[in-house]
Amino acid sequence: MMDILNYFANVDWVEIWQATNDTLIMLFTSLVFIVLLGLPLGVVLFLFSPRQMFEHTKFYAVLATIVNIVRSVPFIILLIVMIPVTVLITGTSLGVAGAIPPLVVGTTPFFARLVETALREVDRGIIEATQSMGATTRQIIFKAVLPEAMPGIVAAITVTAITLVSYTAMAGVVGAGGLGDLSIRFGYQRFQTDVMIVTVVLLVILVQVLQMIGDKLVVHFSRK
């Protein structure tokens, strides 16, 4: 037992707790903004895509291109490129606050595409039946399409949350705080392997918990 404790002698559990808390704040704050922005964007992409209600080839092509361009930028580069914008929005490019804007910008297009895919999987017969009953576009979207696509949307939120975990760790490169920052500063730069192991284990546990919750919610909405 003492040998195990000695192996983790470099681990400051207070710092581990603070870093875990920072990671959770970055994760869930960013996720809220991503859902609020990405869900409408995904709906717009769906509505204006080929063979949908508002089919518009040019508009869809332009919007899809913008989404794809943002998605194509590696997150580590986006972190650096967005520093002036991040400072303008939050007043700092460091810490938890400095990580949230690039997390939102980098992940919202990804989530929007997942939402678009989930909406495409809705049976067209449901949409056509709703239209034939004289439903408005708003009613079709909120009463038919979104409820039917809810399991897919919940799955998309789960995948996005797990992606955000890796992004929050990556944000530690520019001093964003959290478990990634702790792992880099102590585990990598100071060669403290025990700190590296603890942070990695905590990140793995976080991903497993998110996946478990997401799976349960998907099953819940699938039964409705």
Foldseek 3Di string as FASTA:
>chain_A
DVVVCVLLVVDDVVQQVVQAVLLVCLLVVLLVLLCVQQLVLLVVLQQCDPPHPNPDVVVNVVSLVVLVVLQPDPLLVLLVVCQVVLCVVQVGCAASSNLRVSLNSNQSSVLSNQNNVLLVPFDVVQLVVCVVVVDDPVCSVPVPRCLSSVLSNLVSSLVSSLVSLVSCLSSLVVHHGHLNVQCCVPCPPVVSVSSVVVSVVVSVVVNVVSVVVSVVVSVVSVVD
